[in-house]
Amino acid sequence: MRILTPSAFLILLLSIALLNAAEPKRETLRAWDDYIGSVNTSVAERNAGSRPYLWEYDSPETQRRVLNGELVITKHDPRKVPQGLIRR
């Protein structure tokens, strides 16, 4: 019978901890599903022509700034995601 060395035991413990950490929480998945739903709605509205195709034309102020040559940086989706982060 082999006895685990301390380093092998540590690797075993770390791998178990990482496997548990890799599973997203239910709230995180719910926030992700909500985000995907809102993106799909936005894309459908833009494709149907009920909203401007480019986001900078959603706001007259943003449109003015872009047309004046200003670099406009904004947060498109500032929602909070429990134990997660959505990158676009």
N, C-alpha and C. Protein backbone atom coordinates (compact mmCIF):
# COMPACT_ATOMS: atom_id res chain seq x y z
N MET A 1 0.84 -1.18 0.00
CA MET A 1 0.00 0.00 0.00
C MET A 1 0.89 1.24 0.00
N ARG A 2 0.60 2.16 -0.92
CA ARG A 2 1.40 3.39 -1.02
C ARG A 2 0.82 4.45 -0.12
N ILE A 3 1.70 5.24 0.44
CA ILE A 3 1.30 6.39 1.26
C ILE A 3 1.53 7.64 0.43
N LEU A 4 0.53 8.52 0.43
CA LEU A 4 0.65 9.77 -0.33
C LEU A 4 1.70 10.67 0.31
N THR A 5 2.54 11.23 -0.54
CA THR A 5 3.49 12.21 -0.04
C THR A 5 2.74 13.50 0.25
N PRO A 6 3.30 14.38 1.06
CA PRO A 6 2.60 15.65 1.36
C PRO A 6 2.26 16.46 0.12
N SER A 7 3.14 16.49 -0.88
CA SER A 7 2.85 17.26 -2.08
C SER A 7 1.72 16.63 -2.88
N ALA A 8 1.68 15.31 -2.97
CA ALA A 8 0.59 14.64 -3.68
C ALA A 8 -0.74 14.87 -2.96
N PHE A 9 -0.71 14.85 -1.65
CA PHE A 9 -1.92 15.10 -0.86
C PHE A 9 -2.41 16.54 -1.08
N LEU A 10 -1.48 17.49 -1.12
CA LEU A 10 -1.84 18.89 -1.36
C LEU A 10 -2.45 19.06 -2.75
N ILE A 11 -1.87 18.43 -3.74
CA ILE A 11 -2.42 18.51 -5.10
C ILE A 11 -3.82 17.91 -5.15
N LEU A 12 -4.03 16.82 -4.46
CA LEU A 12 -5.35 16.21 -4.40
C LEU A 12 -6.36 17.15 -3.76
N LEU A 13 -6.02 17.80 -2.67
CA LEU A 13 -6.92 18.73 -2.01
C LEU A 13 -7.22 19.94 -2.89
N LEU A 14 -6.20 20.47 -3.55
CA LEU A 14 -6.41 21.62 -4.43
C LEU A 14 -7.30 21.27 -5.61
N SER A 15 -7.12 20.09 -6.18
CA SER A 15 -7.95 19.71 -7.32
C SER A 15 -9.40 19.55 -6.90
N ILE A 16 -9.66 19.05 -5.72
CA ILE A 16 -11.04 18.93 -5.22
C ILE A 16 -11.64 20.32 -5.03
N ALA A 17 -10.86 21.24 -4.46
CA ALA A 17 -11.35 22.61 -4.25
C ALA A 17 -11.63 23.30 -5.59
N LEU A 18 -10.78 23.10 -6.58
CA LEU A 18 -10.99 23.71 -7.89
C LEU A 18 -12.21 23.14 -8.60
N LEU A 19 -12.46 21.86 -8.43
CA LEU A 19 -13.65 21.26 -9.05
C LEU A 19 -14.92 21.86 -8.47
N ASN A 20 -14.93 22.12 -7.18
CA ASN A 20 -16.10 22.74 -6.55
C ASN A 20 -16.26 24.19 -6.98
N ALA A 21 -15.16 24.89 -7.19
CA ALA A 21 -15.21 26.31 -7.57
C ALA A 21 -15.62 26.50 -9.02
N ALA A 22 -15.49 25.47 -9.85
CA ALA A 22 -15.76 25.61 -11.27
C ALA A 22 -17.26 25.64 -11.59
N GLU A 23 -18.09 25.25 -10.69
CA GLU A 23 -19.53 25.20 -10.94
C GLU A 23 -20.18 26.53 -10.59
N PRO A 24 -20.81 27.22 -11.57
CA PRO A 24 -21.44 28.51 -11.27
C PRO A 24 -22.66 28.35 -10.36
N LYS A 25 -22.92 29.36 -9.59
CA LYS A 25 -24.06 29.37 -8.68
C LYS A 25 -25.36 29.58 -9.46
N ARG A 26 -26.47 29.19 -8.88
CA ARG A 26 -27.78 29.31 -9.51
C ARG A 26 -28.10 30.77 -9.84
N GLU A 27 -27.77 31.70 -8.91
CA GLU A 27 -28.04 33.12 -9.14
C GLU A 27 -27.22 33.65 -10.31
N THR A 28 -25.99 33.16 -10.44
CA THR A 28 -25.12 33.59 -11.54
C THR A 28 -25.70 33.13 -12.88
N LEU A 29 -26.16 31.88 -12.93
CA LEU A 29 -26.76 31.36 -14.15
C LEU A 29 -28.05 32.10 -14.49
N ARG A 30 -28.84 32.47 -13.49
CA ARG A 30 -30.07 33.21 -13.72
C ARG A 30 -29.75 34.59 -14.31
N ALA A 31 -28.72 35.26 -13.75
CA ALA A 31 -28.31 36.57 -14.27
C ALA A 31 -27.81 36.44 -15.71
N TRP A 32 -27.09 35.37 -16.00
CA TRP A 32 -26.60 35.15 -17.36
C TRP A 32 -27.78 34.95 -18.32
N ASP A 33 -28.74 34.14 -17.94
CA ASP A 33 -29.92 33.91 -18.79
C ASP A 33 -30.69 35.22 -19.03
N ASP A 34 -30.82 36.05 -17.98
CA ASP A 34 -31.49 37.35 -18.13
C ASP A 34 -30.73 38.23 -19.11
N TYR A 35 -29.41 38.23 -18.99
CA TYR A 35 -28.57 39.03 -19.88
C TYR A 35 -28.73 38.57 -21.33
N ILE A 36 -28.67 37.28 -21.57
CA ILE A 36 -28.82 36.74 -22.93
C ILE A 36 -30.19 37.10 -23.49
N GLY A 37 -31.23 37.02 -22.66
CA GLY A 37 -32.57 37.40 -23.10
C GLY A 37 -32.64 38.86 -23.52
N SER A 38 -32.01 39.75 -22.73
CA SER A 38 -32.05 41.18 -23.06
C SER A 38 -31.23 41.47 -24.33
N VAL A 39 -30.13 40.78 -24.52
CA VAL A 39 -29.33 40.97 -25.74
C VAL A 39 -30.11 40.49 -26.95
N ASN A 40 -30.76 39.34 -26.84
CA ASN A 40 -31.56 38.82 -27.96
C ASN A 40 -32.68 39.78 -28.32
N THR A 41 -33.34 40.35 -27.31
CA THR A 41 -34.41 41.32 -27.56
C THR A 41 -33.86 42.56 -28.27
N SER A 42 -32.73 43.06 -27.79
CA SER A 42 -32.12 44.24 -28.39
C SER A 42 -31.73 44.00 -29.84
N VAL A 43 -31.13 42.85 -30.11
CA VAL A 43 -30.73 42.52 -31.48
C VAL A 43 -31.96 42.40 -32.38
N ALA A 44 -33.00 41.77 -31.89
CA ALA A 44 -34.22 41.62 -32.69
C ALA A 44 -34.85 42.98 -33.00
N GLU A 45 -34.87 43.88 -32.01
CA GLU A 45 -35.43 45.23 -32.22
C GLU A 45 -34.60 46.00 -33.24
N ARG A 46 -33.29 45.88 -33.15
CA ARG A 46 -32.42 46.60 -34.09
C ARG A 46 -32.56 46.02 -35.51
N ASN A 47 -32.67 44.70 -35.61
CA ASN A 47 -32.85 44.08 -36.93
C ASN A 47 -34.20 44.41 -37.54
N ALA A 48 -35.23 44.56 -36.70
CA ALA A 48 -36.57 44.89 -37.19
C ALA A 48 -36.71 46.36 -37.55
N GLY A 49 -35.75 47.18 -37.13
CA GLY A 49 -35.81 48.60 -37.43
C GLY A 49 -36.56 49.42 -36.41
N SER A 50 -36.98 48.82 -35.31
CA SER A 50 -37.70 49.58 -34.29
C SER A 50 -36.75 50.34 -33.36
N ARG A 51 -35.48 50.02 -33.43
CA ARG A 51 -34.43 50.78 -32.72
C ARG A 51 -33.30 51.04 -33.71
N PRO A 52 -32.54 52.11 -33.47
CA PRO A 52 -31.41 52.38 -34.37
C PRO A 52 -30.42 51.20 -34.35
N TYR A 53 -29.82 50.95 -35.50
CA TYR A 53 -28.88 49.83 -35.60
C TYR A 53 -27.64 50.06 -34.73
N LEU A 54 -27.11 51.27 -34.72
CA LEU A 54 -25.92 51.58 -33.92
C LEU A 54 -26.34 52.16 -32.57
N TRP A 55 -25.72 51.69 -31.50
CA TRP A 55 -26.12 52.11 -30.15
C TRP A 55 -25.93 53.60 -29.93
N GLU A 56 -24.98 54.23 -30.63
CA GLU A 56 -24.75 55.66 -30.38
C GLU A 56 -25.92 56.52 -30.83
N TYR A 57 -26.82 55.96 -31.68
CA TYR A 57 -27.99 56.72 -32.11
C TYR A 57 -29.20 56.52 -31.18
N ASP A 58 -29.03 55.74 -30.13
CA ASP A 58 -30.10 55.58 -29.13
C ASP A 58 -30.35 56.87 -28.36
N SER A 59 -29.31 57.67 -28.21
CA SER A 59 -29.41 58.90 -27.43
C SER A 59 -28.97 60.09 -28.30
N PRO A 60 -29.78 61.14 -28.36
CA PRO A 60 -29.37 62.33 -29.14
C PRO A 60 -28.07 62.94 -28.62
N GLU A 61 -27.87 62.91 -27.32
CA GLU A 61 -26.64 63.46 -26.73
C GLU A 61 -25.42 62.65 -27.17
N THR A 62 -25.52 61.34 -27.13
CA THR A 62 -24.41 60.49 -27.57
C THR A 62 -24.16 60.67 -29.06
N GLN A 63 -25.23 60.76 -29.84
CA GLN A 63 -25.09 60.97 -31.28
C GLN A 63 -24.37 62.28 -31.56
N ARG A 64 -24.73 63.34 -30.86
CA ARG A 64 -24.08 64.64 -31.04
C ARG A 64 -22.59 64.54 -30.73
N ARG A 65 -22.27 63.87 -29.63
CA ARG A 65 -20.87 63.75 -29.23
C ARG A 65 -20.06 62.98 -30.26
N VAL A 66 -20.63 61.87 -30.78
CA VAL A 66 -19.92 61.06 -31.79
C VAL A 66 -19.73 61.87 -33.08
N LEU A 67 -20.77 62.57 -33.50
CA LEU A 67 -20.68 63.35 -34.74
C LEU A 67 -19.70 64.52 -34.60
N ASN A 68 -19.45 64.97 -33.37
CA ASN A 68 -18.46 66.02 -33.13
C ASN A 68 -17.05 65.45 -33.00
N GLY A 69 -16.91 64.15 -33.22
CA GLY A 69 -15.58 63.52 -33.21
C GLY A 69 -15.11 63.08 -31.84
N GLU A 70 -15.98 63.14 -30.85
CA GLU A 70 -15.60 62.74 -29.49
C GLU A 70 -15.59 61.22 -29.37
N LEU A 71 -14.64 60.70 -28.63
CA LEU A 71 -14.59 59.28 -28.33
C LEU A 71 -15.51 59.03 -27.13
N VAL A 72 -16.57 58.27 -27.34
CA VAL A 72 -17.57 58.03 -26.31
C VAL A 72 -17.39 56.62 -25.76
N ILE A 73 -17.18 56.54 -24.46
CA ILE A 73 -17.02 55.25 -23.79
C ILE A 73 -18.15 55.13 -22.78
N THR A 74 -18.82 54.00 -22.79
CA THR A 74 -19.96 53.82 -21.90
C THR A 74 -20.05 52.38 -21.44
N LYS A 75 -20.76 52.19 -20.34
CA LYS A 75 -21.09 50.85 -19.89
C LYS A 75 -22.42 50.49 -20.53
N HIS A 76 -22.44 49.46 -21.34
CA HIS A 76 -23.69 49.07 -21.99
C HIS A 76 -24.63 48.36 -21.04
N ASP A 77 -24.09 47.55 -20.17
CA ASP A 77 -24.94 46.74 -19.32
C ASP A 77 -24.36 46.73 -17.90
N PRO A 78 -24.74 47.71 -17.10
CA PRO A 78 -24.12 47.82 -15.78
C PRO A 78 -24.71 46.90 -14.71
N ARG A 79 -25.50 45.92 -15.11
CA ARG A 79 -26.14 45.06 -14.11
C ARG A 79 -25.12 44.30 -13.27
N LYS A 80 -25.52 44.02 -12.07
CA LYS A 80 -24.67 43.26 -11.15
C LYS A 80 -24.96 41.77 -11.35
N VAL A 81 -23.91 40.99 -11.36
CA VAL A 81 -24.04 39.53 -11.49
C VAL A 81 -23.49 38.92 -10.22
N PRO A 82 -24.32 38.19 -9.49
CA PRO A 82 -23.83 37.57 -8.26
C PRO A 82 -22.71 36.57 -8.56
N GLN A 83 -21.58 36.81 -7.97
CA GLN A 83 -20.41 35.93 -8.08
C GLN A 83 -20.03 35.68 -9.54
N GLY A 84 -20.13 36.74 -10.35
CA GLY A 84 -19.77 36.60 -11.76
C GLY A 84 -19.54 37.94 -12.41
N LEU A 85 -19.13 37.89 -13.68
CA LEU A 85 -18.85 39.09 -14.44
C LEU A 85 -19.17 38.79 -15.90
N ILE A 86 -19.92 39.68 -16.53
CA ILE A 86 -20.24 39.51 -17.94
C ILE A 86 -19.37 40.47 -18.72
N ARG A 87 -18.58 39.93 -19.64
CA ARG A 87 -17.72 40.74 -20.50
C ARG A 87 -18.28 40.76 -21.89
N ARG A 88 -18.31 41.93 -22.50
CA ARG A 88 -18.78 42.04 -23.87
C ARG A 88 -17.65 42.40 -24.78
